[in-house]
PDB file of N, CA and C in Angstrom:
ATOM      1  N   MET A   1       0.849  -1.188   0.000  1.00  0.00           N
ATOM      2  CA  MET A   1       0.000   0.000   0.000  1.00  0.00           C
ATOM      3  C   MET A   1       0.890   1.245   0.000  1.00  0.00           C
ATOM      4  N   LYS A   2       0.497   2.260  -0.732  1.00  0.00           N
ATOM      5  CA  LYS A   2       1.312   3.449  -0.899  1.00  0.00           C
ATOM      6  C   LYS A   2       1.530   4.243   0.384  1.00  0.00           C
ATOM      7  N   ASN A   3       0.577   4.270   1.279  1.00  0.00           N
ATOM      8  CA  ASN A   3       0.650   5.122   2.462  1.00  0.00           C
ATOM      9  C   ASN A   3       1.231   4.406   3.669  1.00  0.00           C
ATOM     10  N   LYS A   4       1.980   3.354   3.444  1.00  0.00           N
ATOM     11  CA  LYS A   4       2.598   2.622   4.537  1.00  0.00           C
ATOM     12  C   LYS A   4       4.077   2.417   4.240  1.00  0.00           C
ATOM     13  N   ILE A   5       4.851   2.327   5.297  1.00  0.00           N
ATOM     14  CA  ILE A   5       6.257   1.966   5.159  1.00  0.00           C
ATOM     15  C   ILE A   5       6.547   0.858   6.156  1.00  0.00           C
ATOM     16  N   ILE A   6       7.502   0.033   5.831  1.00  0.00           N
ATOM     17  CA  ILE A   6       7.944  -1.025   6.737  1.00  0.00           C
ATOM     18  C   ILE A   6       9.402  -0.758   7.044  1.00  0.00           C
ATOM     19  N   LEU A   7       9.706  -0.622   8.335  1.00  0.00           N
ATOM     20  CA  LEU A   7      11.074  -0.341   8.767  1.00  0.00           C
ATOM     21  C   LEU A   7      11.648  -1.550   9.484  1.00  0.00           C
ATOM     22  N   ASP A   8      12.924  -1.823   9.218  1.00  0.00           N
ATOM     23  CA  ASP A   8      13.641  -2.861   9.950  1.00  0.00           C
ATOM     24  C   ASP A   8      14.247  -2.227  11.186  1.00  0.00           C
ATOM     25  N   LYS A   9      13.816  -2.697  12.347  1.00  0.00           N
ATOM     26  CA  LYS A   9      14.363  -2.208  13.613  1.00  0.00           C
ATOM     27  C   LYS A   9      14.825  -3.402  14.426  1.00  0.00           C
ATOM     28  N   ASP A  10      16.120  -3.486  14.630  1.00  0.00           N
ATOM     29  CA  ASP A  10      16.702  -4.590  15.403  1.00  0.00           C
ATOM     30  C   ASP A  10      16.215  -5.945  14.896  1.00  0.00           C
ATOM     31  N   ASP A  11      16.290  -6.147  13.582  1.00  0.00           N
ATOM     32  CA  ASP A  11      15.880  -7.390  12.916  1.00  0.00           C
ATOM     33  C   ASP A  11      14.382  -7.670  13.013  1.00  0.00           C
ATOM     34  N   ASN A  12      13.589  -6.689  13.412  1.00  0.00           N
ATOM     35  CA  ASN A  12      12.126  -6.809  13.418  1.00  0.00           C
ATOM     36  C   ASN A  12      11.566  -5.829  12.407  1.00  0.00           C
ATOM     37  N   LYS A  13      10.535  -6.237  11.691  1.00  0.00           N
ATOM     38  CA  LYS A  13       9.885  -5.347  10.732  1.00  0.00           C
ATOM     39  C   LYS A  13       8.677  -4.711  11.405  1.00  0.00           C
ATOM     40  N   GLU A  14       8.598  -3.368  11.335  1.00  0.00           N
ATOM     41  CA  GLU A  14       7.486  -2.631  11.915  1.00  0.00           C
ATOM     42  C   GLU A  14       6.815  -1.807  10.825  1.00  0.00           C
ATOM     43  N   GLU A  15       5.479  -1.838  10.805  1.00  0.00           N
ATOM     44  CA  GLU A  15       4.717  -1.115   9.793  1.00  0.00           C
ATOM     45  C   GLU A  15       4.218   0.212  10.361  1.00  0.00           C
ATOM     46  N   TYR A  16       4.350   1.269   9.562  1.00  0.00           N
ATOM     47  CA  TYR A  16       3.919   2.613   9.948  1.00  0.00           C
ATOM     48  C   TYR A  16       3.046   3.200   8.844  1.00  0.00           C
ATOM     49  N   ASN A  17       2.156   4.092   9.215  1.00  0.00           N
ATOM     50  CA  ASN A  17       1.355   4.854   8.259  1.00  0.00           C
ATOM     51  C   ASN A  17       2.092   6.151   7.954  1.00  0.00           C
ATOM     52  N   ILE A  18       2.205   6.489   6.687  1.00  0.00           N
ATOM     53  CA  ILE A  18       2.842   7.745   6.296  1.00  0.00           C
ATOM     54  C   ILE A  18       1.814   8.864   6.415  1.00  0.00           C
ATOM     55  N   LEU A  19       2.164   9.907   7.162  1.00  0.00           N
ATOM     56  CA  LEU A  19       1.293  11.071   7.292  1.00  0.00           C
ATOM     57  C   LEU A  19       1.511  12.022   6.126  1.00  0.00           C
ATOM     58  N   PHE A  20       2.777  12.295   5.799  1.00  0.00           N
ATOM     59  CA  PHE A  20       3.105  13.105   4.636  1.00  0.00           C
ATOM     60  C   PHE A  20       4.592  13.026   4.332  1.00  0.00           C
ATOM     61  N   LYS A  21       4.926  13.411   3.090  1.00  0.00           N
ATOM     62  CA  LYS A  21       6.319  13.492   2.639  1.00  0.00           C
ATOM     63  C   LYS A  21       6.576  14.915   2.187  1.00  0.00           C
ATOM     64  N   VAL A  22       7.833  15.364   2.329  1.00  0.00           N
ATOM     65  CA  VAL A  22       8.229  16.709   1.921  1.00  0.00           C
ATOM     66  C   VAL A  22       9.568  16.615   1.202  1.00  0.00           C
ATOM     67  N   GLU A  23       9.671  17.322   0.071  1.00  0.00           N
ATOM     68  CA  GLU A  23      10.954  17.455  -0.625  1.00  0.00           C
ATOM     69  C   GLU A  23      11.317  18.929  -0.616  1.00  0.00           C
ATOM     70  N   THR A  24      12.513  19.250  -0.135  1.00  0.00           N
ATOM     71  CA  THR A  24      12.942  20.644  -0.115  1.00  0.00           C
ATOM     72  C   THR A  24      13.455  21.033  -1.491  1.00  0.00           C
ATOM     73  N   ASP A  25      13.196  22.277  -1.875  1.00  0.00           N
ATOM     74  CA  ASP A  25      13.607  22.767  -3.188  1.00  0.00           C
ATOM     75  C   ASP A  25      15.111  23.014  -3.269  1.00  0.00           C
ATOM     76  N   GLN A  26      15.659  23.650  -2.223  1.00  0.00           N
ATOM     77  CA  GLN A  26      17.049  24.086  -2.293  1.00  0.00           C
ATOM     78  C   GLN A  26      18.038  22.932  -2.273  1.00  0.00           C
ATOM     79  N   GLU A  27      17.881  22.014  -1.352  1.00  0.00           N
ATOM     80  CA  GLU A  27      18.880  20.952  -1.183  1.00  0.00           C
ATOM     81  C   GLU A  27      18.416  19.604  -1.714  1.00  0.00           C
ATOM     82  N   LYS A  28      17.185  19.547  -2.222  1.00  0.00           N
ATOM     83  CA  LYS A  28      16.609  18.306  -2.758  1.00  0.00           C
ATOM     84  C   LYS A  28      16.676  17.166  -1.746  1.00  0.00           C
ATOM     85  N   GLU A  29      16.393  17.500  -0.499  1.00  0.00           N
ATOM     86  CA  GLU A  29      16.330  16.472   0.528  1.00  0.00           C
ATOM     87  C   GLU A  29      14.877  16.052   0.707  1.00  0.00           C
ATOM     88  N   ASN A  30      14.678  14.778   1.048  1.00  0.00           N
ATOM     89  CA  ASN A  30      13.346  14.225   1.213  1.00  0.00           C
ATOM     90  C   ASN A  30      13.122  13.822   2.661  1.00  0.00           C
ATOM     91  N   TYR A  31      11.956  14.188   3.168  1.00  0.00           N
ATOM     92  CA  TYR A  31      11.603  13.877   4.550  1.00  0.00           C
ATOM     93  C   TYR A  31      10.262  13.162   4.574  1.00  0.00           C
ATOM     94  N   VAL A  32      10.067  12.339   5.585  1.00  0.00           N
ATOM     95  CA  VAL A  32       8.808  11.634   5.764  1.00  0.00           C
ATOM     96  C   VAL A  32       8.401  11.744   7.233  1.00  0.00           C
ATOM     97  N   VAL A  33       7.103  11.950   7.460  1.00  0.00           N
ATOM     98  CA  VAL A  33       6.539  11.955   8.814  1.00  0.00           C
ATOM     99  C   VAL A  33       5.565  10.785   8.857  1.00  0.00           C
ATOM    100  N   TYR A  34       5.721   9.928   9.872  1.00  0.00           N
ATOM    101  CA  TYR A  34       4.962   8.684   9.909  1.00  0.00           C
ATOM    102  C   TYR A  34       4.551   8.344  11.339  1.00  0.00           C
ATOM    103  N   THR A  35       3.600   7.403  11.483  1.00  0.00           N
ATOM    104  CA  THR A  35       3.066   7.055  12.795  1.00  0.00           C
ATOM    105  C   THR A  35       2.608   5.600  12.816  1.00  0.00           C
ATOM    106  N   LYS A  36       2.504   5.054  14.024  1.00  0.00           N
ATOM    107  CA  LYS A  36       1.887   3.746  14.231  1.00  0.00           C
ATOM    108  C   LYS A  36       0.465   3.922  14.779  1.00  0.00           C
ATOM    109  N   GLY A  37       0.065   5.185  14.973  1.00  0.00           N
ATOM    110  CA  GLY A  37      -1.269   5.457  15.501  1.00  0.00           C
ATOM    111  C   GLY A  37      -1.332   5.446  17.021  1.00  0.00           C
ATOM    112  N   GLU A  38      -0.177   5.333  17.669  1.00  0.00           N
ATOM    113  CA  GLU A  38      -0.137   5.334  19.133  1.00  0.00           C
ATOM    114  C   GLU A  38      -0.403   6.746  19.658  1.00  0.00           C
ATOM    115  N   LYS A  39      -0.944   6.836  20.851  1.00  0.00           N
ATOM    116  CA  LYS A  39      -1.253   8.129  21.468  1.00  0.00           C
ATOM    117  C   LYS A  39      -0.371   8.336  22.699  1.00  0.00           C
ATOM    118  N   ASN A  40      -0.063   9.616  22.999  1.00  0.00           N
ATOM    119  CA  ASN A  40       0.681   9.939  24.214  1.00  0.00           C
ATOM    120  C   ASN A  40      -0.300  10.156  25.364  1.00  0.00           C
ATOM    121  N   PHE A  41       0.191  10.600  26.510  1.00  0.00           N
ATOM    122  CA  PHE A  41      -0.660  10.784  27.683  1.00  0.00           C
ATOM    123  C   PHE A  41      -1.731  11.850  27.489  1.00  0.00           C
ATOM    124  N   ASP A  42      -1.495  12.780  26.568  1.00  0.00           N
ATOM    125  CA  ASP A  42      -2.470  13.842  26.296  1.00  0.00           C
ATOM    126  C   ASP A  42      -3.455  13.452  25.199  1.00  0.00           C
ATOM    127  N   GLY A  43      -3.346  12.233  24.687  1.00  0.00           N
ATOM    128  CA  GLY A  43      -4.244  11.772  23.640  1.00  0.00           C
ATOM    129  C   GLY A  43      -3.837  12.191  22.243  1.00  0.00           C
ATOM    130  N   GLU A  44      -2.631  12.743  22.107  1.00  0.00           N
ATOM    131  CA  GLU A  44      -2.138  13.167  20.798  1.00  0.00           C
ATOM    132  C   GLU A  44      -1.431  11.999  20.113  1.00  0.00           C
ATOM    133  N   THR A  45      -1.566  11.930  18.797  1.00  0.00           N
ATOM    134  CA  THR A  45      -0.914  10.875  18.038  1.00  0.00           C
ATOM    135  C   THR A  45       0.598  11.091  18.042  1.00  0.00           C
ATOM    136  N   ILE A  46       1.331  10.032  18.333  1.00  0.00           N
ATOM    137  CA  ILE A  46       2.793  10.084  18.319  1.00  0.00           C
ATOM    138  C   ILE A  46       3.256   9.954  16.874  1.00  0.00           C
ATOM    139  N   ALA A  47       4.073  10.903  16.416  1.00  0.00           N
ATOM    140  CA  ALA A  47       4.575  10.896  15.042  1.00  0.00           C
ATOM    141  C   ALA A  47       6.097  10.898  15.061  1.00  0.00           C
ATOM    142  N   TYR A  48       6.670  10.331  14.029  1.00  0.00           N
ATOM    143  CA  TYR A  48       8.118  10.263  13.860  1.00  0.00           C
ATOM    144  C   TYR A  48       8.478  10.944  12.545  1.00  0.00           C
ATOM    145  N   ALA A  49       9.682  11.466  12.468  1.00  0.00           N
ATOM    146  CA  ALA A  49      10.136  12.113  11.239  1.00  0.00           C
ATOM    147  C   ALA A  49      11.544  11.629  10.919  1.00  0.00           C
ATOM    148  N   GLY A  50      11.830  11.527   9.640  1.00  0.00           N
ATOM    149  CA  GLY A  50      13.157  11.121   9.226  1.00  0.00           C
ATOM    150  C   GLY A  50      13.459  11.613   7.824  1.00  0.00           C
ATOM    151  N   LYS A  51      14.745  11.637   7.517  1.00  0.00           N
ATOM    152  CA  LYS A  51      15.194  11.993   6.169  1.00  0.00           C
ATOM    153  C   LYS A  51      15.364  10.679   5.423  1.00  0.00           C
ATOM    154  N   TYR A  52      14.743  10.586   4.244  1.00  0.00           N
ATOM    155  CA  TYR A  52      14.919   9.337   3.511  1.00  0.00           C
ATOM    156  C   TYR A  52      15.735   9.560   2.258  1.00  0.00           C
ATOM    157  N   LEU A  53      16.516   8.529   1.944  1.00  0.00           N
ATOM    158  CA  LEU A  53      17.415   8.596   0.810  1.00  0.00           C
ATOM    159  C   LEU A  53      17.678   7.200   0.292  1.00  0.00           C
ATOM    160  N   LEU A  54      18.259   7.129  -0.882  1.00  0.00           N
ATOM    161  CA  LEU A  54      18.618   5.860  -1.492  1.00  0.00           C
ATOM    162  C   LEU A  54      20.090   5.594  -1.206  1.00  0.00           C
ATOM    163  N   LYS A  55      20.375   4.448  -0.571  1.00  0.00           N
ATOM    164  CA  LYS A  55      21.743   4.097  -0.207  1.00  0.00           C
ATOM    165  C   LYS A  55      21.965   2.628  -0.547  1.00  0.00           C
ATOM    166  N   ASN A  56      22.937   2.356  -1.395  1.00  0.00           N
ATOM    167  CA  ASN A  56      23.246   0.988  -1.815  1.00  0.00           C
ATOM    168  C   ASN A  56      22.027   0.274  -2.391  1.00  0.00           C
ATOM    169  N   GLY A  57      21.211   1.010  -3.138  1.00  0.00           N
ATOM    170  CA  GLY A  57      20.044   0.428  -3.771  1.00  0.00           C
ATOM    171  C   GLY A  57      18.847   0.229  -2.868  1.00  0.00           C
ATOM    172  N   LYS A  58      18.931   0.656  -1.622  1.00  0.00           N
ATOM    173  CA  LYS A  58      17.825   0.519  -0.682  1.00  0.00           C
ATOM    174  C   LYS A  58      17.443   1.883  -0.126  1.00  0.00           C
ATOM    175  N   GLN A  59      16.150   2.048   0.127  1.00  0.00           N
ATOM    176  CA  GLN A  59      15.720   3.287   0.777  1.00  0.00           C
ATOM    177  C   GLN A  59      16.040   3.199   2.259  1.00  0.00           C
ATOM    178  N   LYS A  60      16.597   4.270   2.785  1.00  0.00           N
ATOM    179  CA  LYS A  60      16.964   4.354   4.196  1.00  0.00           C
ATOM    180  C   LYS A  60      16.295   5.571   4.810  1.00  0.00           C
ATOM    181  N   ILE A  61      15.938   5.470   6.062  1.00  0.00           N
ATOM    182  CA  ILE A  61      15.438   6.620   6.810  1.00  0.00           C
ATOM    183  C   ILE A  61      16.453   6.910   7.901  1.00  0.00           C
ATOM    184  N   GLU A  62      16.960   8.155   7.884  1.00  0.00           N
ATOM    185  CA  GLU A  62      17.961   8.577   8.862  1.00  0.00           C
ATOM    186  C   GLU A  62      17.354   9.618   9.797  1.00  0.00           C
ATOM    187  N   PRO A  63      17.873   9.711  11.013  1.00  0.00           N
ATOM    188  CA  PRO A  63      17.378  10.725  11.955  1.00  0.00           C
ATOM    189  C   PRO A  63      17.636  12.139  11.446  1.00  0.00           C
ATOM    190  N   ILE A  64      16.777  13.048  11.841  1.00  0.00           N
ATOM    191  CA  ILE A  64      16.954  14.466  11.516  1.00  0.00           C
ATOM    192  C   ILE A  64      17.605  15.122  12.726  1.00  0.00           C
ATOM    193  N   GLU A  65      18.759  15.723  12.510  1.00  0.00           N
ATOM    194  CA  GLU A  65      19.499  16.321  13.619  1.00  0.00           C
ATOM    195  C   GLU A  65      19.433  17.839  13.614  1.00  0.00           C
ATOM    196  N   ASP A  66      18.832  18.400  12.588  1.00  0.00           N
ATOM    197  CA  ASP A  66      18.741  19.841  12.425  1.00  0.00           C
ATOM    198  C   ASP A  66      17.439  20.354  13.064  1.00  0.00           C
ATOM    199  N   ASP A  67      17.548  21.192  14.086  1.00  0.00           N
ATOM    200  CA  ASP A  67      16.367  21.721  14.783  1.00  0.00           C
ATOM    201  C   ASP A  67      15.463  22.519  13.855  1.00  0.00           C
ATOM    202  N   TYR A  68      16.035  23.271  12.918  1.00  0.00           N
ATOM    203  CA  TYR A  68      15.242  24.061  11.988  1.00  0.00           C
ATOM    204  C   TYR A  68      14.326  23.145  11.155  1.00  0.00           C
ATOM    205  N   THR A  69      14.877  22.045  10.661  1.00  0.00           N
ATOM    206  CA  THR A  69      14.097  21.101   9.856  1.00  0.00           C
ATOM    207  C   THR A  69      13.004  20.460  10.694  1.00  0.00           C
ATOM    208  N   LEU A  70      13.317  20.078  11.924  1.00  0.00           N
ATOM    209  CA  LEU A  70      12.307  19.491  12.802  1.00  0.00           C
ATOM    210  C   LEU A  70      11.171  20.469  13.069  1.00  0.00           C
ATOM    211  N   GLU A  71      11.507  21.728  13.303  1.00  0.00           N
ATOM    212  CA  GLU A  71      10.467  22.743  13.533  1.00  0.00           C
ATOM    213  C   GLU A  71       9.629  22.962  12.271  1.00  0.00           C
ATOM    214  N   PHE A  72      10.281  22.944  11.107  1.00  0.00           N
ATOM    215  CA  PHE A  72       9.582  23.092   9.833  1.00  0.00           C
ATOM    216  C   PHE A  72       8.574  21.956   9.645  1.00  0.00           C
ATOM    217  N   LEU A  73       9.001  20.715   9.866  1.00  0.00           N
ATOM    218  CA  LEU A  73       8.107  19.565   9.719  1.00  0.00           C
ATOM    219  C   LEU A  73       6.993  19.589  10.761  1.00  0.00           C
ATOM    220  N   ASP A  74       7.307  20.040  11.972  1.00  0.00           N
ATOM    221  CA  ASP A  74       6.294  20.147  13.027  1.00  0.00           C
ATOM    222  C   ASP A  74       5.214  21.162  12.639  1.00  0.00           C
ATOM    223  N   SER A  75       5.620  22.270  12.028  1.00  0.00           N
ATOM    224  CA  SER A  75       4.640  23.278  11.620  1.00  0.00           C
ATOM    225  C   SER A  75       3.721  22.725  10.525  1.00  0.00           C
ATOM    226  N   ILE A  76       4.269  21.917   9.624  1.00  0.00           N
ATOM    227  CA  ILE A  76       3.433  21.288   8.593  1.00  0.00           C
ATOM    228  C   ILE A  76       2.470  20.305   9.243  1.00  0.00           C
ATOM    229  N   LEU A  77       2.966  19.522  10.192  1.00  0.00           N
ATOM    230  CA  LEU A  77       2.119  18.553  10.884  1.00  0.00           C
ATOM    231  C   LEU A  77       0.960  19.247  11.600  1.00  0.00           C
ATOM    232  N   LEU A  78       1.235  20.369  12.246  1.00  0.00           N
ATOM    233  CA  LEU A  78       0.172  21.108  12.930  1.00  0.00           C
ATOM    234  C   LEU A  78      -0.882  21.593  11.938  1.00  0.00           C
ATOM    235  N   GLN A  79      -0.457  22.056  10.761  1.00  0.00           N
ATOM    236  CA  GLN A  79      -1.402  22.497   9.730  1.00  0.00           C
ATOM    237  C   GLN A  79      -2.242  21.326   9.220  1.00  0.00           C
ATOM    238  N   VAL A  80      -1.606  20.175   9.030  1.00  0.00           N
ATOM    239  CA  VAL A  80      -2.327  18.988   8.572  1.00  0.00           C
ATOM    240  C   VAL A  80      -3.370  18.588   9.613  1.00  0.00           C
ATOM    241  N   GLN A  81      -2.978  18.597  10.888  1.00  0.00           N
ATOM    242  CA  GLN A  81      -3.901  18.209  11.958  1.00  0.00           C
ATOM    243  C   GLN A  81      -5.102  19.142  12.028  1.00  0.00           C
ATOM    244  N   LYS A  82      -4.893  20.424  11.792  1.00  0.00           N
ATOM    245  CA  LYS A  82      -5.999  21.389  11.839  1.00  0.00           C
ATOM    246  C   LYS A  82      -7.038  21.095  10.767  1.00  0.00           C
ATOM    247  N   ASN A  83      -6.597  20.532   9.640  1.00  0.00           N
ATOM    248  CA  ASN A  83      -7.493  20.270   8.519  1.00  0.00           C
ATOM    249  C   ASN A  83      -8.135  18.885   8.550  1.00  0.00           C
ATOM    250  N   LEU A  84      -7.735  18.053   9.504  1.00  0.00           N
ATOM    251  CA  LEU A  84      -8.328  16.726   9.613  1.00  0.00           C
ATOM    252  C   LEU A  84      -9.622  16.801  10.407  1.00  0.00           C
ATOM    253  N   PRO A  85     -10.610  15.970  10.063  1.00  0.00           N
ATOM    254  CA  PRO A  85     -11.833  15.955  10.872  1.00  0.00           C
ATOM    255  C   PRO A  85     -11.508  15.448  12.274  1.00  0.00           C
ATOM    256  N   GLN A  86     -12.139  16.054  13.270  1.00  0.00           N
ATOM    257  CA  GLN A  86     -11.880  15.638  14.647  1.00  0.00           C
ATOM    258  C   GLN A  86     -12.546  14.305  14.915  1.00  0.00           C
ATOM    259  N   GLU A  87     -11.883  13.502  15.758  1.00  0.00           N
ATOM    260  CA  GLU A  87     -12.458  12.222  16.137  1.00  0.00           C
ATOM    261  C   GLU A  87     -13.618  12.463  17.073  1.00  0.00           C
ATOM    262  N   GLU A  88     -14.523  11.520  17.094  1.00  0.00           N
ATOM    263  CA  GLU A  88     -15.692  11.646  17.956  1.00  0.00           C
ATOM    264  C   GLU A  88     -15.272  11.823  19.398  1.00  0.00           C
ATOM    265  N   GLY A  89     -15.880  12.784  20.084  1.00  0.00           N
ATOM    266  CA  GLY A  89     -15.547  13.054  21.483  1.00  0.00           C
ATOM    267  C   GLY A  89     -14.519  14.151  21.654  1.00  0.00           C
ATOM    268  N   GLU A  90     -13.827  14.562  20.571  1.00  0.00           N
ATOM    269  CA  GLU A  90     -12.842  15.644  20.664  1.00  0.00           C
ATOM    270  C   GLU A  90     -13.503  16.965  20.296  1.00  0.00           C
ATOM    271  N   LYS A  91     -13.072  18.015  20.944  1.00  0.00           N
ATOM    272  CA  LYS A  91     -13.574  19.359  20.620  1.00  0.00           C
ATOM    273  C   LYS A  91     -12.458  20.338  20.636  1.00  0.00           C
TER     274      LYS A  91
END
């Protein structure tokens, strides 16, 4: 399925739903924000972000270490969340 990714973590495969992808114009870097649908203590969906690239013929997701990029992706995530229909019981 197009909106899912499978990551190898410690020899285990874990499936995630892709929330969105972003490609920057200047540096042509690609980022992905994804989730397993888990919620934190405040009831917010836990999301992960990474930079993806092609390495040795395989797609890899690497951690994002740049605070500016993390804040940029967080601002996009907040905009996406505002446009999603609220779940029943949320106001």
